């Protein structure tokens, strides 16, 4: 639904800010009603997509539920469970004070790879689960999605391939040895009337930043983590505080405690101009800190003045903005600062360890691109200095399960990315994406195993960042990558999905004068009711 809301924002139908996801189902419902009142302005395909969302969020629209909802165990007609119009549930309960919905989830995925480094592999996975959600007294919401999966076929090399291409498998301890994986997301949320304040405790995917193809602050490049989140909003202002627990790893050694705190303030100056201010702090070996739980503070100041903490933390902050100069077109710019050092900025001739590392991103998004209805195009450039997201302690890298919380691009790299998304019909969508990346990496050790030079291209290893010749952009072992991705989603029956994904990766190891390539393919069938 968030892609749909973004396109409706670009078409100037709703005043939507995409820099913080998720938002409440009630807020989504309000946006959908606004679109419904202006549906004469949207394409025929978007009208049908809107109809599906109105059914899916019917309870959240604040109006009586009609016959567009069906379930197996609450008086529903079995024939409706195969309807192409109804929103289907395994079970539903509704009264004036409460709602309760249960969905059944199941899926089967065929995956295959070939290439010089991935090798030829075949992996078959199955997964089954349940999803529960509901509300109490129009102020408390709850959600739980739990699933279990199993490897149906595939050898040890196929398991490695699966973990390299799927964060959920990479974050499963049992998958490498037992071929078993499970996952869950769940939370409890309290929300005031009017949604001016919301408090969420649980685990859920969270996104922060204006990035159209990838995000520098919080993205979907790792698995969800547990957190407590406080949100407040009033007119043009929206504030979010998060304190969460991460899975830590220091070069193969588990870190018992690793936490993240973030603050974000969004200001909607107008429907055409939005700006956000963001900061984050990663701590390790400190089970709990009231200083970091203070929702109204400056985390960088807390870090510098926390005398109790003897372990170095990793602080980051950033500013981003989005401008919509004309209908159907928006531009965004994002700046990320990792461990700023005023001395390094104002005394460039004096060698100071790499405490000032920057990342930036510029992008544009264009809906109804080239005058083609339902076609959305995006172009984005991303630059990451050496050692961005890393930390010399190795414990407080900006990662969860060793995977980046922010951009997927490795440090000491830049990327130009292009993406086209086309809603061919109401339930057929095609995404095409191309990325060209320049990277430099490599670590040099002495005879005792000490780091002599680290070129800052490994997000999980920030050791040696105080060497002068290791902090020059794109210095090190140079690699260029071209990555082409095609994703096709077909929904032949409402809530039955066929997903196809193909990725081709061409790699030029300039430092070795060697080229190689890999490709992999996913075909997945999913039931979601």
Protein backbone atom coordinates (compact mmCIF):
# COMPACT_ATOMS: atom_id res chain seq x y z
CA UNK A 1 0.00 0.00 0.00
CA UNK A 2 2.91 2.38 0.60
CA UNK A 3 3.90 2.40 -3.08
CA UNK A 4 0.31 3.28 -3.94
CA UNK A 5 0.22 6.10 -1.38
CA UNK A 6 3.49 7.48 -2.76
CA UNK A 7 2.07 7.62 -6.27
CA UNK A 8 -1.07 9.32 -4.97
CA UNK A 9 1.14 11.90 -3.23
CA UNK A 10 2.99 12.57 -6.49
CA UNK A 11 -0.34 12.98 -8.27
CA UNK A 12 -1.22 15.63 -5.65
CA UNK A 13 -4.24 13.75 -4.34
CA UNK A 14 -3.00 13.23 -0.76
CA UNK A 15 -0.48 15.04 1.47
CA UNK A 16 1.64 12.01 2.40
CA UNK A 17 5.11 11.85 3.97
CA UNK A 18 6.95 8.61 3.09
CA UNK A 19 9.97 9.13 5.38
CA UNK A 20 8.62 7.03 8.27
CA UNK A 21 7.09 3.62 7.63
CA UNK A 22 4.98 1.95 8.95
CA UNK A 23 2.06 4.20 9.74
CA UNK A 24 -1.15 3.10 11.45
CA UNK A 25 -3.88 1.27 9.52
CA UNK A 26 -6.27 4.04 10.53
CA UNK A 27 -4.04 6.67 8.92
CA UNK A 28 -3.78 4.53 5.79
CA UNK A 29 -7.56 4.27 5.78
CA UNK A 30 -7.88 8.07 5.91
CA UNK A 31 -5.58 8.41 2.90
CA UNK A 32 -7.56 5.78 0.98
CA UNK A 33 -10.81 7.62 1.64
CA UNK A 34 -9.26 10.85 0.33
CA UNK A 35 -8.18 9.04 -2.82
CA UNK A 36 -11.64 7.49 -3.13
CA UNK A 37 -13.19 10.96 -3.06
CA UNK A 38 -10.93 11.97 -5.98
CA UNK A 39 -10.87 8.71 -7.90
CA UNK A 40 -12.03 10.47 -11.07
CA UNK A 41 -8.47 11.88 -11.24
CA UNK A 42 -6.67 8.52 -11.28
CA UNK A 43 -6.21 5.84 -13.95
CA UNK A 44 -8.55 2.90 -14.43
CA UNK A 45 -5.89 0.49 -13.12
CA UNK A 46 -5.38 2.62 -10.00
CA UNK A 47 -9.14 2.67 -9.43
CA UNK A 48 -9.12 -1.13 -9.32
CA UNK A 49 -6.06 -1.17 -7.05
CA UNK A 50 -7.86 1.31 -4.80
CA UNK A 51 -10.90 -0.99 -4.73
CA UNK A 52 -8.74 -3.86 -3.46
CA UNK A 53 -7.24 -1.67 -0.74
CA UNK A 54 -10.65 -0.36 0.31
CA UNK A 55 -11.71 -3.98 0.85
CA UNK A 56 -8.50 -4.88 2.67
CA UNK A 57 -8.69 -1.85 5.01
CA UNK A 58 -12.48 -1.76 5.23
CA UNK A 59 -12.57 -2.13 9.01
CA UNK A 60 -9.96 0.65 9.37
CA UNK A 61 -11.94 3.16 7.30
CA UNK A 62 -14.20 3.96 10.23
CA UNK A 63 -17.40 2.92 8.50
CA UNK A 64 -19.64 -0.17 8.81
CA UNK A 65 -18.10 -3.36 7.45
CA UNK A 66 -19.94 -4.62 4.37
CA UNK A 67 -20.09 -8.00 2.70
CA UNK A 68 -16.66 -7.64 1.10
CA UNK A 69 -15.10 -9.56 4.03
CA UNK A 70 -15.34 -13.36 4.20
CA UNK A 71 -14.03 -15.99 6.62
CA UNK A 72 -14.21 -19.75 6.99
CA UNK A 73 -15.59 -19.83 10.54
CA UNK A 74 -17.86 -16.81 10.97
CA UNK A 75 -20.82 -17.51 8.76
CA UNK A 76 -19.02 -16.97 5.49
CA UNK A 77 -19.98 -18.68 2.29
CA UNK A 78 -17.24 -21.11 1.23
CA UNK A 79 -17.63 -19.91 -2.35
CA UNK A 80 -16.64 -16.44 -1.23
CA UNK A 81 -13.30 -17.81 -0.10
CA UNK A 82 -12.45 -18.24 -3.77
CA UNK A 83 -13.87 -14.87 -4.74
CA UNK A 84 -11.72 -12.47 -6.69
CA UNK A 85 -13.27 -9.47 -4.92
CA UNK A 86 -13.68 -10.29 -1.24
CA UNK A 87 -11.01 -9.78 1.40
CA UNK A 88 -10.68 -13.26 2.88
CA UNK A 89 -9.77 -14.27 6.43
CA UNK A 90 -9.33 -17.58 8.17
CA UNK A 91 -11.39 -16.18 11.03
CA UNK A 92 -12.84 -12.78 11.97
CA UNK A 93 -14.70 -11.33 14.94
CA UNK A 94 -16.17 -7.82 15.15
CA UNK A 95 -18.18 -5.93 17.75
CA UNK A 96 -18.42 -2.33 18.93
CA UNK A 97 -15.37 -2.63 21.21
CA UNK A 98 -13.08 -5.15 19.55
CA UNK A 99 -11.93 -6.69 16.31
CA UNK A 100 -9.98 -9.88 15.72
CA UNK A 101 -8.69 -11.24 12.41
CA UNK A 102 -6.77 -14.44 11.71
CA UNK A 103 -4.97 -15.18 8.43
CA UNK A 104 -3.42 -18.42 7.31
CA UNK A 105 -0.09 -18.15 5.49
CA UNK A 106 1.64 -20.72 3.33
CA UNK A 107 4.18 -20.69 0.56
CA UNK A 108 6.56 -22.70 -1.57
CA UNK A 109 9.71 -21.27 -3.17
CA UNK A 110 11.94 -22.72 -5.88
CA UNK A 111 15.38 -21.09 -6.08
CA UNK A 112 18.22 -21.68 -8.48
CA UNK A 113 21.65 -20.10 -9.01
CA UNK A 114 24.56 -20.34 -11.39
CA UNK A 115 27.80 -18.44 -11.81
CA UNK A 116 31.44 -18.19 -10.95
CA UNK A 117 31.15 -17.62 -7.19
CA UNK A 118 27.60 -18.70 -6.30
CA UNK A 119 27.95 -21.92 -8.28
CA UNK A 120 25.14 -24.08 -9.61
CA UNK A 121 22.57 -24.68 -6.86
CA UNK A 122 18.94 -25.64 -6.45
CA UNK A 123 17.04 -24.91 -3.25
CA UNK A 124 13.40 -25.66 -2.46
CA UNK A 125 11.72 -24.12 0.60
CA UNK A 126 8.29 -24.41 2.14
CA UNK A 127 6.76 -22.20 4.81
CA UNK A 128 3.53 -22.10 6.79
CA UNK A 129 2.25 -19.72 9.44
CA UNK A 130 -0.52 -17.66 11.01
CA UNK A 131 -1.17 -13.96 11.42
CA UNK A 132 -3.30 -12.45 14.18
CA UNK A 133 -4.30 -8.82 14.47
CA UNK A 134 -7.02 -6.78 16.07
CA UNK A 135 -8.06 -3.81 18.19
CA UNK A 136 -9.51 -3.18 21.63
CA UNK A 137 -11.67 -0.16 22.54
CA UNK A 138 -10.43 1.78 19.50
CA UNK A 139 -7.16 2.58 21.27
CA UNK A 140 -5.07 -0.61 21.49
CA UNK A 141 -3.92 -2.61 18.51
CA UNK A 142 -2.07 -5.91 18.43
CA UNK A 143 -0.36 -7.93 15.74
CA UNK A 144 1.48 -11.26 15.53
CA UNK A 145 2.81 -13.06 12.48
CA UNK A 146 4.65 -16.32 13.08
CA UNK A 147 5.84 -18.81 10.49
CA UNK A 148 7.97 -21.92 10.26
CA UNK A 149 9.84 -23.02 7.18
CA UNK A 150 11.91 -25.96 6.05
CA UNK A 151 14.38 -26.84 3.34
CA UNK A 152 12.70 -29.41 1.10
CA UNK A 153 15.81 -30.08 -1.00
CA UNK A 154 19.28 -28.62 -1.46
CA UNK A 155 22.81 -29.52 -0.41
CA UNK A 156 25.24 -27.55 1.79
CA UNK A 157 26.27 -25.28 -1.10
CA UNK A 158 22.61 -24.50 -1.75
CA UNK A 159 22.23 -23.52 1.91
CA UNK A 160 25.10 -21.04 1.52
CA UNK A 161 23.44 -19.65 -1.61
CA UNK A 162 20.17 -19.25 0.29
CA UNK A 163 21.82 -17.36 3.13
CA UNK A 164 23.67 -15.06 0.72
CA UNK A 165 20.49 -14.01 -1.06
CA UNK A 166 17.81 -13.96 1.68
CA UNK A 167 18.18 -12.00 4.97
CA UNK A 168 15.60 -14.21 6.69
CA UNK A 169 17.71 -17.30 6.04
CA UNK A 170 20.91 -15.45 6.97
CA UNK A 171 19.37 -14.60 10.36
CA UNK A 172 18.39 -18.20 11.15
CA UNK A 173 20.77 -20.17 13.37
CA UNK A 174 19.18 -23.52 12.58
CA UNK A 175 19.00 -23.24 8.82
CA UNK A 176 22.69 -24.10 8.11
CA UNK A 177 22.66 -27.28 10.22
CA UNK A 178 19.03 -28.42 10.32
CA UNK A 179 17.49 -26.84 7.22
CA UNK A 180 14.87 -25.22 9.44
CA UNK A 181 13.98 -21.52 9.77
CA UNK A 182 11.33 -19.52 11.55
CA UNK A 183 10.47 -15.87 11.96
CA UNK A 184 7.95 -13.65 13.64
CA UNK A 185 6.83 -10.06 13.91
CA UNK A 186 4.58 -8.92 16.70
CA UNK A 187 3.71 -5.79 18.62
CA UNK A 188 1.28 -4.08 20.96
CA UNK A 189 0.35 -0.49 20.11
CA UNK A 190 -1.50 2.17 22.08
CA UNK A 191 -2.88 5.12 20.14
CA UNK A 192 -4.77 8.19 21.32
CA UNK A 193 -7.88 9.47 19.63
CA UNK A 194 -6.79 11.53 16.66
CA UNK A 195 -3.50 9.60 16.53
CA UNK A 196 -1.50 12.49 17.99
CA UNK A 197 0.43 10.00 20.14
CA UNK A 198 1.26 6.35 19.57
CA UNK A 199 3.33 3.91 21.65
CA UNK A 200 4.46 0.61 20.13
CA UNK A 201 6.35 -2.25 21.79
CA UNK A 202 7.37 -5.21 19.68
CA UNK A 203 9.11 -6.31 16.48
CA UNK A 204 8.24 -4.97 13.04
CA UNK A 205 10.00 -3.84 9.87
CA UNK A 206 10.79 -0.14 10.10
CA UNK A 207 11.93 2.33 7.44
CA UNK A 208 13.24 5.86 7.86
CA UNK A 209 14.40 8.25 5.16
CA UNK A 210 13.25 9.59 1.81
CA UNK A 211 15.27 7.20 -0.38
CA UNK A 212 13.26 5.92 -3.35
CA UNK A 213 15.33 2.81 -4.17
CA UNK A 214 17.31 2.34 -0.94
CA UNK A 215 17.47 4.28 2.32
CA UNK A 216 20.53 5.51 4.23
CA UNK A 217 18.91 5.53 7.69
CA UNK A 218 16.68 2.46 8.21
CA UNK A 219 15.95 0.08 5.33
CA UNK A 220 14.86 -3.48 4.59
CA UNK A 221 18.37 -4.88 4.12
CA UNK A 222 18.26 -6.87 7.35
CA UNK A 223 15.57 -8.56 9.45
CA UNK A 224 13.25 -6.67 11.87
CA UNK A 225 14.44 -6.10 15.44
CA UNK A 226 12.66 -5.65 18.79
CA UNK A 227 12.00 -2.07 19.88
CA UNK A 228 9.90 0.40 21.80
CA UNK A 229 8.72 3.31 19.68
CA UNK A 230 7.06 6.58 20.65
CA UNK A 231 5.46 8.76 17.98
CA UNK A 232 3.91 12.18 18.34
CA UNK A 233 2.45 14.39 15.66
CA UNK A 234 0.76 17.76 15.55
CA UNK A 235 -0.10 19.60 12.37
CA UNK A 236 3.16 19.95 10.38
CA UNK A 237 5.35 18.18 12.97
CA UNK A 238 5.95 14.46 13.44
CA UNK A 239 8.43 13.03 15.93
CA UNK A 240 9.60 9.45 16.46
CA UNK A 241 11.79 7.89 19.16
CA UNK A 242 12.97 4.27 19.00
CA UNK A 243 15.00 2.17 21.42
CA UNK A 244 15.71 -1.37 20.29
CA UNK A 245 17.85 -4.47 20.62
CA UNK A 246 20.06 -5.75 17.80
CA UNK A 247 21.86 -9.01 17.11
CA UNK A 248 25.56 -8.24 17.51
CA UNK A 249 28.55 -10.02 16.06
CA UNK A 250 32.22 -9.09 16.21
CA UNK A 251 34.03 -11.08 13.52
CA UNK A 252 32.40 -14.35 14.49
CA UNK A 253 32.03 -13.64 18.21
CA UNK A 254 28.53 -13.06 19.59
CA UNK A 255 27.92 -9.79 21.40
CA UNK A 256 25.54 -10.37 24.34
CA UNK A 257 24.04 -6.88 24.23
CA UNK A 258 23.78 -4.46 21.33
CA UNK A 259 21.23 -1.64 21.30
CA UNK A 260 20.07 1.16 19.02
CA UNK A 261 18.42 4.47 19.86
CA UNK A 262 17.06 6.79 17.17
CA UNK A 263 15.32 10.16 17.06
CA UNK A 264 13.59 11.57 13.98
CA UNK A 265 11.75 14.85 13.53
CA UNK A 266 9.82 15.51 10.33
CA UNK A 267 8.58 18.95 9.35
CA UNK A 268 6.01 19.25 6.56
CA UNK A 269 6.55 22.84 5.48
CA UNK A 270 4.02 22.32 2.69
CA UNK A 271 2.73 19.46 0.53
CA UNK A 272 5.63 20.27 -1.82
CA UNK A 273 8.47 20.58 0.71
CA UNK A 274 9.33 18.24 3.59
CA UNK A 275 12.43 18.00 5.76
CA UNK A 276 13.64 15.49 8.33
CA UNK A 277 16.27 15.51 11.10
CA UNK A 278 17.60 12.12 12.27
CA UNK A 279 20.14 10.73 14.72
CA UNK A 280 21.09 7.28 15.98
CA UNK A 281 23.35 5.74 18.59
CA UNK A 282 24.60 2.14 18.65
CA UNK A 283 25.83 0.79 21.97
CA UNK A 284 27.27 -2.57 23.05
CA UNK A 285 28.12 -4.29 26.35
CA UNK A 286 25.64 -2.02 28.13
CA UNK A 287 22.36 -3.76 28.84
CA UNK A 288 20.31 -0.62 29.48
CA UNK A 289 20.84 3.12 29.69
CA UNK A 290 18.25 5.61 30.91
CA UNK A 291 20.20 8.33 29.10
CA UNK A 292 19.57 6.62 25.77
CA UNK A 293 15.89 6.02 26.59
CA UNK A 294 15.26 9.74 27.08
CA UNK A 295 13.12 10.60 24.03
CA UNK A 296 13.97 14.31 24.22
CA UNK A 297 17.74 14.56 24.06
CA UNK A 298 20.67 14.82 21.68
CA UNK A 299 22.15 11.36 21.39
CA UNK A 300 25.58 12.63 20.36
CA UNK A 301 25.71 14.78 23.51
CA UNK A 302 24.51 11.85 25.63
CA UNK A 303 27.28 9.71 24.18
CA UNK A 304 30.04 12.27 24.79
CA UNK A 305 28.95 12.87 28.39
CA UNK A 306 28.10 9.33 29.47
CA UNK A 307 30.94 8.80 31.95
CA UNK A 308 29.58 5.39 32.98
CA UNK A 309 30.12 3.97 29.52
CA UNK A 310 33.74 2.87 29.05
CA UNK A 311 33.08 1.32 25.63
CA UNK A 312 33.05 3.51 22.53
CA UNK A 313 29.68 3.90 20.90
CA UNK A 314 28.77 4.67 17.30
CA UNK A 315 26.77 7.86 16.75
CA UNK A 316 25.29 8.98 13.45
CA UNK A 317 23.02 11.81 12.40
CA UNK A 318 21.55 13.15 9.21
CA UNK A 319 19.31 15.62 7.40
CA UNK A 320 17.09 14.80 4.46
CA UNK A 321 14.48 16.62 2.43
CA UNK A 322 12.00 16.07 -0.35
CA UNK A 323 10.82 18.66 -2.87
CA UNK A 324 7.92 18.21 -5.29
CA UNK A 325 8.36 21.02 -7.86
CA UNK A 326 5.61 19.86 -10.21
CA UNK A 327 2.87 17.27 -10.31
CA UNK A 328 4.08 13.65 -10.68
CA UNK A 329 7.72 14.48 -9.88
CA UNK A 330 9.69 14.65 -6.61
CA UNK A 331 13.36 14.97 -5.67
CA UNK A 332 15.07 13.97 -2.45
CA UNK A 333 18.46 14.65 -0.88
CA UNK A 334 19.90 12.83 2.13
CA UNK A 335 23.04 13.54 4.16
CA UNK A 336 24.47 11.04 6.67
CA UNK A 337 27.26 11.95 9.09
CA UNK A 338 29.00 9.15 10.98
CA UNK A 339 31.12 10.11 14.01
CA UNK A 340 31.66 13.78 13.21
CA UNK A 341 34.92 15.36 14.34
CA UNK A 342 35.07 19.15 14.20
CA UNK A 343 38.84 18.93 14.46
CA UNK A 344 39.04 16.88 11.30
CA UNK A 345 36.84 19.38 9.45
CA UNK A 346 38.51 22.59 10.57
CA UNK A 347 42.08 21.22 10.72
CA UNK A 348 42.36 19.20 7.50
CA UNK A 349 46.18 19.36 7.51
CA UNK A 350 46.39 17.74 10.94
CA UNK A 351 45.96 13.97 10.92
CA UNK A 352 43.03 12.92 13.03
CA UNK A 353 41.56 9.38 12.99
CA UNK A 354 38.67 8.85 10.58
CA UNK A 355 35.99 10.27 12.88
CA UNK A 356 34.24 12.27 10.15
CA UNK A 357 32.64 9.98 7.60
CA UNK A 358 29.91 11.04 5.24
CA UNK A 359 27.29 9.43 3.08
CA UNK A 360 24.92 11.22 0.77
CA UNK A 361 22.18 10.38 -1.63
CA UNK A 362 20.26 12.26 -4.30
CA UNK A 363 17.29 10.87 -6.16
CA UNK A 364 14.20 11.63 -8.18
CA UNK A 365 10.95 9.77 -8.66
CA UNK A 366 8.50 10.28 -11.53
CA UNK A 367 5.07 8.71 -11.72
CA UNK A 368 3.10 8.39 -14.95
CA UNK A 369 6.59 8.60 -16.42
CA UNK A 370 6.96 9.36 -20.12
CA UNK A 371 3.18 10.01 -20.12
CA UNK A 372 2.58 6.28 -19.55
CA UNK A 373 -0.15 5.73 -16.92
CA UNK A 374 0.85 3.50 -13.97
CA UNK A 375 4.58 3.65 -14.84
CA UNK A 376 6.88 4.99 -12.10
CA UNK A 377 10.58 5.63 -12.62
CA UNK A 378 13.28 6.47 -10.09
CA UNK A 379 16.96 7.39 -10.36
CA UNK A 380 19.22 7.57 -7.31
CA UNK A 381 22.91 8.24 -6.65
CA UNK A 382 24.46 7.09 -3.36
CA UNK A 383 27.96 7.79 -2.02
CA UNK A 384 29.47 6.26 1.14
CA UNK A 385 32.89 7.30 2.44
CA UNK A 386 35.30 4.64 3.71
CA UNK A 387 34.24 3.25 7.12
CA UNK A 388 30.69 4.66 7.01
CA UNK A 389 28.45 2.52 9.30
CA UNK A 390 31.56 0.77 10.75
CA UNK A 391 33.21 1.28 14.12
CA UNK A 392 36.73 0.59 15.25
CA UNK A 393 35.44 -1.27 18.33
CA UNK A 394 33.95 -3.85 15.88
CA UNK A 395 31.02 -4.22 18.30
CA UNK A 396 28.93 -1.17 17.43
CA UNK A 397 28.73 -1.38 13.66
CA UNK A 398 25.47 -0.11 12.15
CA UNK A 399 24.25 -3.65 11.51
CA UNK A 400 21.79 -6.29 12.70
CA UNK A 401 22.82 -9.93 12.25
CA UNK A 402 25.87 -8.58 10.39
CA UNK A 403 23.62 -7.01 7.73
CA UNK A 404 23.31 -3.24 7.20
CA UNK A 405 20.54 -1.31 8.92
CA UNK A 406 20.95 1.39 6.30
CA UNK A 407 21.96 1.21 2.65
CA UNK A 408 22.91 -2.17 1.22
CA UNK A 409 25.85 -0.55 -0.58
CA UNK A 410 29.14 -1.30 1.17
CA UNK A 411 31.29 1.53 2.60
CA UNK A 412 33.94 3.08 0.34
CA UNK A 413 31.54 2.82 -2.60
CA UNK A 414 29.18 4.76 -4.80
CA UNK A 415 26.21 3.66 -6.87
CA UNK A 416 23.89 4.88 -9.57
CA UNK A 417 20.56 3.03 -9.52
CA UNK A 418 17.61 3.16 -11.91
CA UNK A 419 14.23 1.56 -11.32
CA UNK A 420 11.02 1.22 -13.32
CA UNK A 421 7.79 -0.04 -11.74
CA UNK A 422 4.79 -0.72 -13.92
CA UNK A 423 1.33 -1.80 -12.81
CA UNK A 424 0.40 -3.71 -15.95
CA UNK A 425 -3.03 -4.49 -14.54
CA UNK A 426 -4.72 -4.31 -11.17
CA UNK A 427 -2.85 -7.42 -9.96
CA UNK A 428 0.17 -7.72 -12.23
CA UNK A 429 3.22 -5.60 -11.43
CA UNK A 430 6.68 -5.58 -13.02
CA UNK A 431 9.78 -4.02 -11.42
CA UNK A 432 13.02 -3.55 -13.38
CA UNK A 433 16.15 -2.25 -11.65
CA UNK A 434 19.74 -1.61 -12.69
CA UNK A 435 22.63 -0.69 -10.37
CA UNK A 436 26.21 0.24 -11.22
CA UNK A 437 28.56 0.24 -8.23
CA UNK A 438 32.18 1.23 -7.72
CA UNK A 439 33.79 -0.16 -4.57
CA UNK A 440 37.17 -0.53 -2.91
CA UNK A 441 37.96 -2.97 -0.15
CA UNK A 442 40.78 -4.95 1.42
CA UNK A 443 42.58 -5.30 4.77
CA UNK A 444 46.35 -5.76 5.19
CA UNK A 445 47.72 -7.52 8.30
CA UNK A 446 51.25 -7.77 9.66
CA UNK A 447 52.95 -11.00 10.72
CA UNK A 448 51.32 -10.80 14.16
CA UNK A 449 47.81 -10.46 12.75
CA UNK A 450 47.49 -6.75 13.49
CA UNK A 451 45.72 -4.51 10.99
CA UNK A 452 48.22 -2.40 9.07
CA UNK A 453 45.87 -0.98 6.42
CA UNK A 454 42.10 -1.17 6.21
CA UNK A 455 40.59 0.48 3.15
CA UNK A 456 37.23 0.78 4.90
CA UNK A 457 35.09 -1.33 2.57
CA UNK A 458 33.85 -3.94 5.06
CA UNK A 459 30.90 -2.80 7.16
CA UNK A 460 31.69 -5.37 9.87
CA UNK A 461 35.36 -4.42 10.27
CA UNK A 462 36.30 -0.84 11.14
CA UNK A 463 39.70 -1.65 12.67
CA UNK A 464 42.60 0.48 11.52
CA UNK A 465 40.57 3.50 10.48
CA UNK A 466 43.23 5.77 12.00
CA UNK A 467 45.71 5.12 9.19
CA UNK A 468 46.01 8.08 6.84
CA UNK A 469 46.35 6.04 3.64
CA UNK A 470 43.26 3.99 4.41
CA UNK A 471 40.65 6.76 4.27
CA UNK A 472 40.91 7.95 0.65
CA UNK A 473 37.72 7.29 -1.30
CA UNK A 474 37.97 4.29 -3.66
CA UNK A 475 41.54 3.53 -2.59
CA UNK A 476 42.11 -0.19 -2.15
CA UNK A 477 41.15 -3.29 -4.10
CA UNK A 478 38.85 -1.86 -6.78
CA UNK A 479 35.71 -3.68 -7.88
CA UNK A 480 32.93 -2.60 -10.25
CA UNK A 481 29.53 -4.29 -10.20
CA UNK A 482 26.59 -4.19 -12.56
CA UNK A 483 23.41 -5.65 -11.07
CA UNK A 484 20.19 -6.14 -13.03
CA UNK A 485 17.02 -7.23 -11.21
CA UNK A 486 13.59 -8.13 -12.57
CA UNK A 487 10.61 -8.86 -10.27
CA UNK A 488 7.19 -9.92 -11.52
CA UNK A 489 4.24 -10.26 -9.12
CA UNK A 490 1.00 -11.82 -10.33
CA UNK A 491 -2.15 -12.18 -8.23
CA UNK A 492 -4.36 -14.51 -10.29
CA UNK A 493 -6.81 -14.82 -7.40
CA UNK A 494 -7.12 -12.23 -4.67
CA UNK A 495 -4.60 -13.09 -1.94
CA UNK A 496 -2.92 -15.80 -4.00
CA UNK A 497 0.46 -14.55 -5.21
CA UNK A 498 2.96 -15.76 -7.77
CA UNK A 499 6.32 -14.01 -7.36
CA UNK A 500 9.23 -14.28 -9.79
CA UNK A 501 12.64 -12.70 -9.22
CA UNK A 502 15.73 -12.80 -11.44
CA UNK A 503 19.06 -11.17 -10.55
CA UNK A 504 22.14 -10.94 -12.78
CA UNK A 505 25.39 -9.69 -11.26
CA UNK A 506 28.42 -8.84 -13.41
CA UNK A 507 31.60 -8.25 -11.37
CA UNK A 508 34.84 -6.69 -12.59
CA UNK A 509 37.69 -7.26 -10.14
CA UNK A 510 39.91 -4.48 -11.43
CA UNK A 511 42.63 -5.17 -8.85
CA UNK A 512 42.88 -8.79 -10.07
CA UNK A 513 42.19 -8.07 -13.76
CA UNK A 514 39.45 -10.69 -13.59
CA UNK A 515 35.76 -10.67 -14.48
CA UNK A 516 33.02 -13.04 -13.40
CA UNK A 517 29.25 -13.14 -13.08
CA UNK A 518 26.44 -14.77 -11.12
CA UNK A 519 22.70 -15.05 -11.52
CA UNK A 520 19.87 -16.48 -9.49
CA UNK A 521 16.14 -17.00 -9.88
CA UNK A 522 13.28 -17.30 -7.37
CA UNK A 523 9.78 -18.60 -8.15
CA UNK A 524 7.37 -18.44 -5.21
CA UNK A 525 3.70 -19.21 -4.70
CA UNK A 526 2.04 -17.74 -1.58
CA UNK A 527 -1.42 -17.96 -0.02
CA UNK A 528 -2.35 -15.17 2.37
CA UNK A 529 -5.79 -15.78 3.95
